Amino acid sequence: MGVNNLVYRGQEEISRAVGINWKNFSYYVKNKKLPVFRIDGKGTWLAMPDDLKKWLLDQRENNLYK
């Protein structure tokens, strides 16, 4: 994890945290609302651990029996 355990940094680290292939990162951002952001819309992707945890729980709930 990144800076003082407050944030995940970059596509690969964030992808690893949620168990997706980093090559599909853009798909998850655009189509699955992966909760990531870039400061001023540019630079390194960032994600907060609590946001990723909530997103994963929502994904589990929505896809558990599909």
PDB file of N, CA and C in Angstrom:
ATOM      1  N   MET A   1       0.849  -1.176   0.000  1.00  0.00           N
ATOM      2  CA  MET A   1       0.000   0.000   0.000  1.00  0.00           C
ATOM      3  C   MET A   1       0.880   1.220   0.000  1.00  0.00           C
ATOM      4  N   GLY A   2       0.312   2.317  -0.403  1.00  0.00           N
ATOM      5  CA  GLY A   2       1.069   3.530  -0.610  1.00  0.00           C
ATOM      6  C   GLY A   2       1.292   4.374   0.632  1.00  0.00           C
ATOM      7  N   VAL A   3       1.225   5.658   0.475  1.00  0.00           N
ATOM      8  CA  VAL A   3       1.598   6.656   1.460  1.00  0.00           C
ATOM      9  C   VAL A   3       0.900   6.437   2.799  1.00  0.00           C
ATOM     10  N   ASN A   4       1.706   6.061   3.784  1.00  0.00           N
ATOM     11  CA  ASN A   4       1.214   5.907   5.159  1.00  0.00           C
ATOM     12  C   ASN A   4      -0.055   5.072   5.271  1.00  0.00           C
ATOM     13  N   ASN A   5      -0.215   4.102   4.403  1.00  0.00           N
ATOM     14  CA  ASN A   5      -1.382   3.224   4.401  1.00  0.00           C
ATOM     15  C   ASN A   5      -2.700   3.960   4.203  1.00  0.00           C
ATOM     16  N   LEU A   6      -2.657   5.153   3.663  1.00  0.00           N
ATOM     17  CA  LEU A   6      -3.874   5.927   3.434  1.00  0.00           C
ATOM     18  C   LEU A   6      -4.410   5.778   2.028  1.00  0.00           C
ATOM     19  N   VAL A   7      -3.539   5.358   1.095  1.00  0.00           N
ATOM     20  CA  VAL A   7      -3.955   5.372  -0.303  1.00  0.00           C
ATOM     21  C   VAL A   7      -3.205   4.296  -1.080  1.00  0.00           C
ATOM     22  N   TYR A   8      -3.895   3.729  -2.060  1.00  0.00           N
ATOM     23  CA  TYR A   8      -3.245   2.875  -3.051  1.00  0.00           C
ATOM     24  C   TYR A   8      -2.875   3.765  -4.223  1.00  0.00           C
ATOM     25  N   ARG A   9      -1.692   3.511  -4.813  1.00  0.00           N
ATOM     26  CA  ARG A   9      -1.207   4.358  -5.905  1.00  0.00           C
ATOM     27  C   ARG A   9      -0.961   3.529  -7.153  1.00  0.00           C
ATOM     28  N   GLY A  10      -1.492   3.980  -8.284  1.00  0.00           N
ATOM     29  CA  GLY A  10      -1.225   3.370  -9.573  1.00  0.00           C
ATOM     30  C   GLY A  10      -2.160   2.218  -9.917  1.00  0.00           C
ATOM     31  N   GLN A  11      -2.286   1.998 -11.229  1.00  0.00           N
ATOM     32  CA  GLN A  11      -3.198   0.970 -11.736  1.00  0.00           C
ATOM     33  C   GLN A  11      -2.858  -0.416 -11.203  1.00  0.00           C
ATOM     34  N   GLU A  12      -1.592  -0.767 -11.197  1.00  0.00           N
ATOM     35  CA  GLU A  12      -1.215  -2.118 -10.796  1.00  0.00           C
ATOM     36  C   GLU A  12      -1.490  -2.368  -9.321  1.00  0.00           C
ATOM     37  N   GLU A  13      -1.145  -1.437  -8.456  1.00  0.00           N
ATOM     38  CA  GLU A  13      -1.371  -1.612  -7.019  1.00  0.00           C
ATOM     39  C   GLU A  13      -2.858  -1.663  -6.694  1.00  0.00           C
ATOM     40  N   ILE A  14      -3.628  -0.781  -7.312  1.00  0.00           N
ATOM     41  CA  ILE A  14      -5.077  -0.769  -7.076  1.00  0.00           C
ATOM     42  C   ILE A  14      -5.700  -2.059  -7.601  1.00  0.00           C
ATOM     43  N   SER A  15      -5.294  -2.479  -8.788  1.00  0.00           N
ATOM     44  CA  SER A  15      -5.821  -3.716  -9.369  1.00  0.00           C
ATOM     45  C   SER A  15      -5.524  -4.917  -8.485  1.00  0.00           C
ATOM     46  N   ARG A  16      -4.312  -4.983  -7.976  1.00  0.00           N
ATOM     47  CA  ARG A  16      -3.930  -6.069  -7.071  1.00  0.00           C
ATOM     48  C   ARG A  16      -4.807  -6.071  -5.820  1.00  0.00           C
ATOM     49  N   ALA A  17      -5.095  -4.895  -5.307  1.00  0.00           N
ATOM     50  CA  ALA A  17      -5.891  -4.771  -4.079  1.00  0.00           C
ATOM     51  C   ALA A  17      -7.308  -5.323  -4.249  1.00  0.00           C
ATOM     52  N   VAL A  18      -7.872  -5.200  -5.451  1.00  0.00           N
ATOM     53  CA  VAL A  18      -9.247  -5.660  -5.664  1.00  0.00           C
ATOM     54  C   VAL A  18      -9.328  -6.956  -6.474  1.00  0.00           C
ATOM     55  N   GLY A  19      -8.169  -7.496  -6.850  1.00  0.00           N
ATOM     56  CA  GLY A  19      -8.148  -8.799  -7.513  1.00  0.00           C
ATOM     57  C   GLY A  19      -8.526  -8.799  -8.977  1.00  0.00           C
ATOM     58  N   ILE A  20      -8.207  -7.721  -9.674  1.00  0.00           N
ATOM     59  CA  ILE A  20      -8.472  -7.680 -11.113  1.00  0.00           C
ATOM     60  C   ILE A  20      -7.141  -7.583 -11.860  1.00  0.00           C
ATOM     61  N   ASN A  21      -7.167  -7.923 -13.139  1.00  0.00           N
ATOM     62  CA  ASN A  21      -5.990  -7.785 -13.981  1.00  0.00           C
ATOM     63  C   ASN A  21      -5.806  -6.301 -14.288  1.00  0.00           C
ATOM     64  N   TRP A  22      -4.612  -5.783 -14.081  1.00  0.00           N
ATOM     65  CA  TRP A  22      -4.394  -4.348 -14.284  1.00  0.00           C
ATOM     66  C   TRP A  22      -4.640  -3.928 -15.724  1.00  0.00           C
ATOM     67  N   LYS A  23      -4.554  -4.863 -16.650  1.00  0.00           N
ATOM     68  CA  LYS A  23      -4.811  -4.526 -18.050  1.00  0.00           C
ATOM     69  C   LYS A  23      -6.285  -4.204 -18.288  1.00  0.00           C
ATOM     70  N   ASN A  24      -7.153  -4.611 -17.376  1.00  0.00           N
ATOM     71  CA  ASN A  24      -8.587  -4.321 -17.480  1.00  0.00           C
ATOM     72  C   ASN A  24      -9.002  -3.149 -16.594  1.00  0.00           C
ATOM     73  N   PHE A  25      -8.050  -2.440 -16.056  1.00  0.00           N
ATOM     74  CA  PHE A  25      -8.307  -1.348 -15.114  1.00  0.00           C
ATOM     75  C   PHE A  25      -9.287  -0.322 -15.688  1.00  0.00           C
ATOM     76  N   SER A  26      -9.046   0.132 -16.902  1.00  0.00           N
ATOM     77  CA  SER A  26      -9.909   1.159 -17.515  1.00  0.00           C
ATOM     78  C   SER A  26     -11.351   0.684 -17.636  1.00  0.00           C
ATOM     79  N   TYR A  27     -11.536  -0.588 -17.961  1.00  0.00           N
ATOM     80  CA  TYR A  27     -12.886  -1.148 -18.054  1.00  0.00           C
ATOM     81  C   TYR A  27     -13.610  -1.008 -16.711  1.00  0.00           C
ATOM     82  N   TYR A  28     -12.926  -1.363 -15.643  1.00  0.00           N
ATOM     83  CA  TYR A  28     -13.550  -1.301 -14.315  1.00  0.00           C
ATOM     84  C   TYR A  28     -13.820   0.132 -13.876  1.00  0.00           C
ATOM     85  N   VAL A  29     -12.974   1.050 -14.260  1.00  0.00           N
ATOM     86  CA  VAL A  29     -13.201   2.458 -13.938  1.00  0.00           C
ATOM     87  C   VAL A  29     -14.430   2.974 -14.678  1.00  0.00           C
ATOM     88  N   LYS A  30     -14.502   2.699 -15.981  1.00  0.00           N
ATOM     89  CA  LYS A  30     -15.586   3.231 -16.813  1.00  0.00           C
ATOM     90  C   LYS A  30     -16.908   2.504 -16.622  1.00  0.00           C
ATOM     91  N   ASN A  31     -16.865   1.174 -16.550  1.00  0.00           N
ATOM     92  CA  ASN A  31     -18.098   0.384 -16.576  1.00  0.00           C
ATOM     93  C   ASN A  31     -18.556  -0.153 -15.230  1.00  0.00           C
ATOM     94  N   LYS A  32     -17.651  -0.277 -14.300  1.00  0.00           N
ATOM     95  CA  LYS A  32     -17.999  -0.852 -12.991  1.00  0.00           C
ATOM     96  C   LYS A  32     -17.832   0.142 -11.856  1.00  0.00           C
ATOM     97  N   LYS A  33     -17.543   1.394 -12.222  1.00  0.00           N
ATOM     98  CA  LYS A  33     -17.432   2.488 -11.238  1.00  0.00           C
ATOM     99  C   LYS A  33     -16.409   2.219 -10.140  1.00  0.00           C
ATOM    100  N   LEU A  34     -15.267   1.641 -10.519  1.00  0.00           N
ATOM    101  CA  LEU A  34     -14.181   1.447  -9.562  1.00  0.00           C
ATOM    102  C   LEU A  34     -13.835   2.809  -8.959  1.00  0.00           C
ATOM    103  N   PRO A  35     -13.855   2.937  -7.632  1.00  0.00           N
ATOM    104  CA  PRO A  35     -13.707   4.250  -6.984  1.00  0.00           C
ATOM    105  C   PRO A  35     -12.248   4.734  -6.935  1.00  0.00           C
ATOM    106  N   VAL A  36     -11.796   5.273  -8.037  1.00  0.00           N
ATOM    107  CA  VAL A  36     -10.437   5.797  -8.138  1.00  0.00           C
ATOM    108  C   VAL A  36     -10.498   7.244  -8.605  1.00  0.00           C
ATOM    109  N   PHE A  37      -9.400   7.956  -8.408  1.00  0.00           N
ATOM    110  CA  PHE A  37      -9.363   9.357  -8.826  1.00  0.00           C
ATOM    111  C   PHE A  37      -7.926   9.761  -9.125  1.00  0.00           C
ATOM    112  N   ARG A  38      -7.820  10.850  -9.862  1.00  0.00           N
ATOM    113  CA  ARG A  38      -6.531  11.488 -10.117  1.00  0.00           C
ATOM    114  C   ARG A  38      -6.676  12.956  -9.736  1.00  0.00           C
ATOM    115  N   ILE A  39      -5.669  13.496  -9.098  1.00  0.00           N
ATOM    116  CA  ILE A  39      -5.716  14.895  -8.680  1.00  0.00           C
ATOM    117  C   ILE A  39      -5.669  15.778  -9.928  1.00  0.00           C
ATOM    118  N   ASP A  40      -6.643  16.669 -10.018  1.00  0.00           N
ATOM    119  CA  ASP A  40      -6.803  17.542 -11.191  1.00  0.00           C
ATOM    120  C   ASP A  40      -6.990  16.756 -12.482  1.00  0.00           C
ATOM    121  N   GLY A  41      -7.454  15.499 -12.388  1.00  0.00           N
ATOM    122  CA  GLY A  41      -7.727  14.696 -13.563  1.00  0.00           C
ATOM    123  C   GLY A  41      -6.506  14.205 -14.313  1.00  0.00           C
ATOM    124  N   LYS A  42      -5.338  14.293 -13.677  1.00  0.00           N
ATOM    125  CA  LYS A  42      -4.124  13.823 -14.350  1.00  0.00           C
ATOM    126  C   LYS A  42      -3.171  13.228 -13.324  1.00  0.00           C
ATOM    127  N   GLY A  43      -2.186  12.529 -13.823  1.00  0.00           N
ATOM    128  CA  GLY A  43      -1.209  11.928 -12.930  1.00  0.00           C
ATOM    129  C   GLY A  43      -1.593  10.511 -12.524  1.00  0.00           C
ATOM    130  N   THR A  44      -1.048  10.065 -11.434  1.00  0.00           N
ATOM    131  CA  THR A  44      -1.221   8.702 -10.944  1.00  0.00           C
ATOM    132  C   THR A  44      -2.624   8.483 -10.394  1.00  0.00           C
ATOM    133  N   TRP A  45      -3.192   7.324 -10.722  1.00  0.00           N
ATOM    134  CA  TRP A  45      -4.480   6.942 -10.149  1.00  0.00           C
ATOM    135  C   TRP A  45      -4.292   6.675  -8.660  1.00  0.00           C
ATOM    136  N   LEU A  46      -5.270   7.098  -7.861  1.00  0.00           N
ATOM    137  CA  LEU A  46      -5.255   6.902  -6.415  1.00  0.00           C
ATOM    138  C   LEU A  46      -6.572   6.274  -5.978  1.00  0.00           C
ATOM    139  N   ALA A  47      -6.535   5.529  -4.882  1.00  0.00           N
ATOM    140  CA  ALA A  47      -7.760   4.939  -4.334  1.00  0.00           C
ATOM    141  C   ALA A  47      -7.620   4.802  -2.826  1.00  0.00           C
ATOM    142  N   MET A  48      -8.691   5.074  -2.133  1.00  0.00           N
ATOM    143  CA  MET A  48      -8.723   4.947  -0.678  1.00  0.00           C
ATOM    144  C   MET A  48      -9.134   3.516  -0.315  1.00  0.00           C
ATOM    145  N   PRO A  49      -8.440   2.909   0.640  1.00  0.00           N
ATOM    146  CA  PRO A  49      -8.750   1.525   1.021  1.00  0.00           C
ATOM    147  C   PRO A  49     -10.223   1.301   1.405  1.00  0.00           C
ATOM    148  N   ASP A  50     -10.813   2.214   2.163  1.00  0.00           N
ATOM    149  CA  ASP A  50     -12.216   2.043   2.568  1.00  0.00           C
ATOM    150  C   ASP A  50     -13.158   2.089   1.372  1.00  0.00           C
ATOM    151  N   ASP A  51     -12.841   2.938   0.384  1.00  0.00           N
ATOM    152  CA  ASP A  51     -13.663   3.005  -0.829  1.00  0.00           C
ATOM    153  C   ASP A  51     -13.593   1.696  -1.606  1.00  0.00           C
ATOM    154  N   LEU A  52     -12.380   1.135  -1.700  1.00  0.00           N
ATOM    155  CA  LEU A  52     -12.217  -0.135  -2.424  1.00  0.00           C
ATOM    156  C   LEU A  52     -12.934  -1.270  -1.701  1.00  0.00           C
ATOM    157  N   LYS A  53     -12.865  -1.261  -0.380  1.00  0.00           N
ATOM    158  CA  LYS A  53     -13.544  -2.309   0.395  1.00  0.00           C
ATOM    159  C   LYS A  53     -15.053  -2.253   0.169  1.00  0.00           C
ATOM    160  N   LYS A  54     -15.625  -1.046   0.215  1.00  0.00           N
ATOM    161  CA  LYS A  54     -17.065  -0.900  -0.013  1.00  0.00           C
ATOM    162  C   LYS A  54     -17.421  -1.355  -1.429  1.00  0.00           C
ATOM    163  N   TRP A  55     -16.608  -0.968  -2.406  1.00  0.00           N
ATOM    164  CA  TRP A  55     -16.864  -1.358  -3.792  1.00  0.00           C
ATOM    165  C   TRP A  55     -16.845  -2.878  -3.930  1.00  0.00           C
ATOM    166  N   LEU A  56     -15.868  -3.532  -3.309  1.00  0.00           N
ATOM    167  CA  LEU A  56     -15.790  -4.997  -3.378  1.00  0.00           C
ATOM    168  C   LEU A  56     -17.004  -5.652  -2.725  1.00  0.00           C
ATOM    169  N   LEU A  57     -17.432  -5.133  -1.591  1.00  0.00           N
ATOM    170  CA  LEU A  57     -18.619  -5.682  -0.929  1.00  0.00           C
ATOM    171  C   LEU A  57     -19.855  -5.507  -1.809  1.00  0.00           C
ATOM    172  N   ASP A  58     -19.981  -4.354  -2.460  1.00  0.00           N
ATOM    173  CA  ASP A  58     -21.104  -4.123  -3.375  1.00  0.00           C
ATOM    174  C   ASP A  58     -21.044  -5.078  -4.564  1.00  0.00           C
ATOM    175  N   GLN A  59     -19.842  -5.291  -5.107  1.00  0.00           N
ATOM    176  CA  GLN A  59     -19.695  -6.223  -6.230  1.00  0.00           C
ATOM    177  C   GLN A  59     -20.082  -7.633  -5.814  1.00  0.00           C
ATOM    178  N   ARG A  60     -19.667  -8.026  -4.619  1.00  0.00           N
ATOM    179  CA  ARG A  60     -20.034  -9.356  -4.120  1.00  0.00           C
ATOM    180  C   ARG A  60     -21.539  -9.484  -3.993  1.00  0.00           C
ATOM    181  N   GLU A  61     -22.158  -8.482  -3.410  1.00  0.00           N
ATOM    182  CA  GLU A  61     -23.615  -8.512  -3.206  1.00  0.00           C
ATOM    183  C   GLU A  61     -24.349  -8.589  -4.549  1.00  0.00           C
ATOM    184  N   ASN A  62     -23.888  -7.836  -5.534  1.00  0.00           N
ATOM    185  CA  ASN A  62     -24.554  -7.790  -6.843  1.00  0.00           C
ATOM    186  C   ASN A  62     -24.300  -9.014  -7.707  1.00  0.00           C
ATOM    187  N   ASN A  63     -23.239  -9.744  -7.433  1.00  0.00           N
ATOM    188  CA  ASN A  63     -22.841 -10.840  -8.310  1.00  0.00           C
ATOM    189  C   ASN A  63     -22.737 -12.196  -7.633  1.00  0.00           C
ATOM    190  N   LEU A  64     -23.109 -12.282  -6.383  1.00  0.00           N
ATOM    191  CA  LEU A  64     -22.904 -13.500  -5.608  1.00  0.00           C
ATOM    192  C   LEU A  64     -23.570 -14.716  -6.210  1.00  0.00           C
ATOM    193  N   TYR A  65     -24.769 -14.579  -6.698  1.00  0.00           N
ATOM    194  CA  TYR A  65     -25.516 -15.743  -7.200  1.00  0.00           C
ATOM    195  C   TYR A  65     -25.715 -15.721  -8.710  1.00  0.00           C
ATOM    196  N   LYS A  66     -24.890 -15.002  -9.434  1.00  0.00           N
ATOM    197  CA  LYS A  66     -25.022 -14.941 -10.887  1.00  0.00           C
ATOM    198  C   LYS A  66     -24.216 -16.030 -11.532  1.00  0.00           C
TER     199      LYS A  66
END
